[in-house]
Amino acid sequence: MLPDGTAVLLNAGTTLSYPSAFIAKSREVIIEGEAFFEVAHDAAHPFIVKAENVRVQVLGTKFNVKAYKEEGNIEVTLEEGSVGVRLAHQSDLIRITPGEQICFSKVAQKFVRREVNPELYMAWRERAFHFNNVTFDNIARQLERRFNVHVEIATEDLKKIRFTGDFVRDENLLQILQVITTNKRMLYEIDKEDNNKIRIYNRNTD
């Protein structure tokens, strides 16, 4: 709970920086990772989320920001209300409405707006996973953050394999690994000396 009454839920591997009191004209916080915000309404003091060089500005709303440094995109997904998104050096806001997501590509330095089901992108709040055509490399990072493990994927080809599937609340790591490797050309093994190290490799590899 922030000093202004805004509620924030942080996903694994996330840091949120904010002042002990909001005394400036705007309420500014800095995020690295992923968080869901339920912003307390204050028309006189806009709430601004800083995620690298992206700025998300709101008055009072519910939205999700995903901005892990190791990932190539920054995503803002709106559940309720209205938000505006811009780059740090720009003044014009790109506004989105509930059910929309705006994605900023760090490589292309461009925003893309699209319609989504917000519940799927905020499944982490219920400790669930929703993978929609997601690469194994991306899945590995999410599993590492959630379960505090290290996942090694043996080859670049395996990293690029894509998976679609949902995992309900509190399914454990082994259950998830068993499902994502079923009917694929891969196996997984847990390090005998360190249970926090997992290796995913080709079936035809000794």
Protein backbone atom coordinates (compact mmCIF):
# COMPACT_ATOMS: atom_id res chain seq x y z
CA MET A 1 0.00 0.00 0.00
CA LEU A 2 1.52 3.31 -1.09
CA PRO A 3 1.29 6.56 0.93
CA ASP A 4 -1.63 7.84 -1.22
CA GLY A 5 -3.69 4.68 -0.76
CA THR A 6 -2.74 3.09 -4.07
CA ALA A 7 -2.52 -0.71 -3.85
CA VAL A 8 0.27 -2.50 -5.71
CA LEU A 9 0.78 -6.24 -6.12
CA LEU A 10 4.31 -7.22 -7.20
CA ASN A 11 5.17 -10.26 -9.28
CA ALA A 12 8.31 -12.30 -8.56
CA GLY A 13 11.64 -10.61 -9.24
CA THR A 14 10.15 -7.12 -9.11
CA THR A 15 11.32 -3.95 -7.39
CA LEU A 16 9.21 -0.83 -6.84
CA SER A 17 10.73 2.49 -5.74
CA TYR A 18 8.57 5.30 -4.35
CA PRO A 19 8.86 8.25 -1.92
CA SER A 20 7.81 8.05 1.72
CA ALA A 21 5.23 10.75 0.93
CA PHE A 22 3.84 12.14 -2.33
CA ILE A 23 4.38 15.90 -2.04
CA ALA A 24 5.07 16.83 -5.67
CA LYS A 25 2.49 17.73 -8.33
CA SER A 26 2.56 14.16 -9.60
CA ARG A 27 2.85 10.80 -7.81
CA GLU A 28 5.81 9.04 -9.38
CA VAL A 29 7.04 5.48 -8.85
CA ILE A 30 9.71 3.41 -10.59
CA ILE A 31 9.24 -0.25 -11.47
CA GLU A 32 11.58 -2.97 -12.65
CA GLY A 33 9.68 -6.21 -13.21
CA GLU A 34 5.91 -6.66 -13.19
CA ALA A 35 3.17 -5.21 -11.00
CA PHE A 36 -0.59 -4.68 -10.87
CA PHE A 37 -1.71 -1.21 -9.78
CA GLU A 38 -5.03 -0.12 -8.30
CA VAL A 39 -4.50 3.63 -8.21
CA ALA A 40 -6.24 5.87 -5.69
CA HIS A 41 -8.05 8.65 -7.56
CA ASP A 42 -6.58 12.14 -7.25
CA ALA A 43 -7.28 14.33 -10.27
CA ALA A 44 -4.92 17.05 -9.04
CA HIS A 45 -1.96 14.67 -8.73
CA PRO A 46 -1.54 12.29 -11.70
CA PHE A 47 0.02 8.92 -10.91
CA ILE A 48 3.04 8.14 -13.11
CA VAL A 49 4.81 4.79 -13.42
CA LYS A 50 8.34 4.91 -14.81
CA ALA A 51 9.57 1.74 -16.53
CA GLU A 52 12.94 2.41 -18.18
CA ASN A 53 12.15 5.09 -20.78
CA VAL A 54 8.39 4.42 -20.83
CA ARG A 55 5.95 6.50 -18.80
CA VAL A 56 2.44 5.39 -17.81
CA GLN A 57 0.15 8.19 -16.59
CA VAL A 58 -3.19 7.69 -14.83
CA LEU A 59 -5.64 9.42 -12.52
CA GLY A 60 -7.37 6.40 -11.01
CA THR A 61 -7.52 2.96 -12.58
CA LYS A 62 -6.45 -0.71 -12.50
CA PHE A 63 -3.66 -1.82 -14.81
CA ASN A 64 -0.65 -4.09 -15.17
CA VAL A 65 2.90 -3.10 -16.13
CA LYS A 66 5.44 -5.71 -17.23
CA ALA A 67 8.95 -4.31 -17.58
CA TYR A 68 11.71 -6.81 -16.87
CA LYS A 69 15.10 -5.53 -18.03
CA GLU A 70 16.05 -8.86 -19.60
CA GLU A 71 12.95 -8.90 -21.85
CA GLY A 72 12.62 -7.12 -25.17
CA ASN A 73 9.19 -5.54 -24.58
CA ILE A 74 7.44 -3.39 -22.00
CA GLU A 75 3.72 -4.16 -21.73
CA VAL A 76 0.93 -2.09 -20.21
CA THR A 77 -2.42 -3.90 -19.91
CA LEU A 78 -5.54 -2.05 -18.79
CA GLU A 79 -8.29 -3.68 -16.72
CA GLU A 80 -10.33 -0.66 -15.66
CA GLY A 81 -10.29 3.11 -16.25
CA SER A 82 -7.96 4.84 -18.69
CA VAL A 83 -4.22 5.31 -18.97
CA GLY A 84 -1.88 7.19 -21.26
CA VAL A 85 1.55 5.92 -22.27
CA ARG A 86 4.50 7.86 -23.69
CA LEU A 87 8.27 7.86 -23.86
CA ALA A 88 10.23 9.92 -21.35
CA HIS A 89 11.19 12.60 -23.89
CA GLN A 90 7.70 12.91 -25.38
CA SER A 91 4.65 14.84 -24.20
CA ASP A 92 1.82 13.29 -26.25
CA LEU A 93 0.08 10.34 -24.59
CA ILE A 94 -1.15 7.22 -26.36
CA ARG A 95 -4.38 6.38 -24.55
CA ILE A 96 -5.75 2.87 -24.12
CA THR A 97 -9.10 1.68 -22.81
CA PRO A 98 -10.08 -1.43 -20.80
CA GLY A 99 -9.29 -4.62 -22.69
CA GLU A 100 -6.39 -3.05 -24.55
CA GLN A 101 -2.66 -3.51 -24.19
CA ILE A 102 0.14 -1.31 -25.45
CA CYS A 103 3.47 -2.98 -26.10
CA PHE A 104 6.74 -1.07 -26.47
CA SER A 105 9.53 -2.79 -28.41
CA LYS A 106 12.92 -1.83 -27.01
CA VAL A 107 14.61 -2.80 -30.28
CA ALA A 108 12.25 -1.03 -32.68
CA GLN A 109 11.52 1.80 -30.19
CA LYS A 110 7.86 1.65 -31.19
CA PHE A 111 4.49 1.21 -29.47
CA VAL A 112 1.90 -1.30 -30.68
CA ARG A 113 -1.69 -1.25 -29.40
CA ARG A 114 -3.83 -4.41 -29.39
CA GLU A 115 -7.00 -5.86 -27.90
CA VAL A 116 -6.41 -8.58 -25.29
CA ASN A 117 -8.12 -10.45 -22.48
CA PRO A 118 -6.60 -8.71 -19.42
CA GLU A 119 -7.23 -11.72 -17.20
CA LEU A 120 -4.78 -13.79 -19.21
CA TYR A 121 -2.00 -11.24 -18.81
CA MET A 122 -2.69 -10.83 -15.10
CA ALA A 123 -3.00 -14.53 -14.27
CA TRP A 124 0.13 -14.24 -12.14
CA ARG A 125 -1.94 -12.46 -9.47
CA GLU A 126 -3.62 -15.81 -8.80
CA ARG A 127 -0.28 -17.66 -9.02
CA ALA A 128 -1.32 -19.06 -12.39
CA PHE A 129 0.49 -19.16 -15.73
CA HIS A 130 -0.99 -18.45 -19.16
CA PHE A 131 1.32 -19.23 -22.08
CA ASN A 132 0.07 -18.31 -25.55
CA ASN A 133 2.59 -19.31 -28.21
CA VAL A 134 5.44 -18.44 -25.84
CA THR A 135 9.05 -19.51 -26.45
CA PHE A 136 10.69 -21.91 -24.02
CA ASP A 137 13.33 -19.27 -23.36
CA ASN A 138 10.60 -16.91 -22.14
CA ILE A 139 8.92 -19.67 -20.12
CA ALA A 140 12.24 -20.50 -18.45
CA ARG A 141 12.63 -16.91 -17.23
CA GLN A 142 9.12 -16.91 -15.78
CA LEU A 143 9.72 -20.22 -13.98
CA GLU A 144 13.03 -18.93 -12.62
CA ARG A 145 11.36 -15.88 -11.10
CA ARG A 146 8.39 -17.77 -9.67
CA PHE A 147 10.23 -20.77 -8.19
CA ASN A 148 13.65 -19.22 -7.52
CA VAL A 149 15.49 -21.75 -9.68
CA HIS A 150 17.94 -21.68 -12.59
CA VAL A 151 16.73 -23.25 -15.83
CA GLU A 152 19.31 -24.09 -18.46
CA ILE A 153 18.11 -24.81 -21.99
CA ALA A 154 20.72 -26.86 -23.82
CA THR A 155 20.44 -25.46 -27.35
CA GLU A 156 19.32 -22.33 -29.16
CA ASP A 157 16.81 -24.39 -31.17
CA LEU A 158 15.09 -25.55 -27.98
CA LYS A 159 14.88 -21.97 -26.72
CA LYS A 160 12.85 -21.03 -29.79
CA ILE A 161 10.26 -23.81 -29.48
CA ARG A 162 6.84 -22.36 -28.62
CA PHE A 163 4.24 -23.62 -26.17
CA THR A 164 0.59 -22.81 -25.51
CA GLY A 165 -1.12 -23.86 -22.28
CA ASP A 166 -2.57 -22.79 -18.95
CA PHE A 167 -1.54 -23.79 -15.44
CA VAL A 168 -3.94 -23.27 -12.56
CA ARG A 169 -3.10 -21.80 -9.20
CA ASP A 170 -0.20 -23.31 -7.30
CA GLU A 171 0.73 -26.12 -9.69
CA ASN A 172 4.28 -26.95 -8.71
CA LEU A 173 7.39 -26.73 -10.86
CA LEU A 174 7.64 -30.46 -11.59
CA GLN A 175 4.03 -30.61 -12.76
CA ILE A 176 4.65 -27.72 -15.14
CA LEU A 177 7.90 -29.19 -16.48
CA GLN A 178 6.22 -32.55 -17.12
CA VAL A 179 3.46 -30.91 -19.15
CA ILE A 180 5.59 -28.59 -21.26
CA THR A 181 7.97 -31.39 -22.25
CA THR A 182 5.21 -33.88 -23.13
CA ASN A 183 5.10 -34.73 -26.84
CA LYS A 184 8.04 -32.43 -27.44
CA ARG A 185 11.54 -33.41 -28.50
CA MET A 186 13.00 -32.63 -25.10
CA LEU A 187 13.57 -33.94 -21.60
CA TYR A 188 14.40 -32.25 -18.31
CA GLU A 189 16.61 -33.22 -15.41
CA ILE A 190 17.17 -31.78 -11.95
CA ASP A 191 20.75 -31.43 -10.73
CA LYS A 192 21.45 -34.14 -8.16
CA GLU A 193 23.63 -31.82 -6.08
CA ASP A 194 21.52 -28.68 -6.40
CA ASN A 195 17.74 -29.08 -6.68
CA ASN A 196 17.46 -25.45 -7.82
CA LYS A 197 19.24 -26.18 -11.11
CA ILE A 198 17.22 -27.65 -13.97
CA ARG A 199 18.41 -28.58 -17.45
CA ILE A 200 16.19 -29.01 -20.50
CA TYR A 201 17.81 -30.89 -23.39
CA ASN A 202 17.13 -32.76 -26.63
CA ARG A 203 15.79 -36.30 -26.39
CA ASN A 204 18.52 -37.56 -28.69
CA THR A 205 21.30 -36.04 -26.57
CA ASP A 206 23.26 -38.34 -24.28
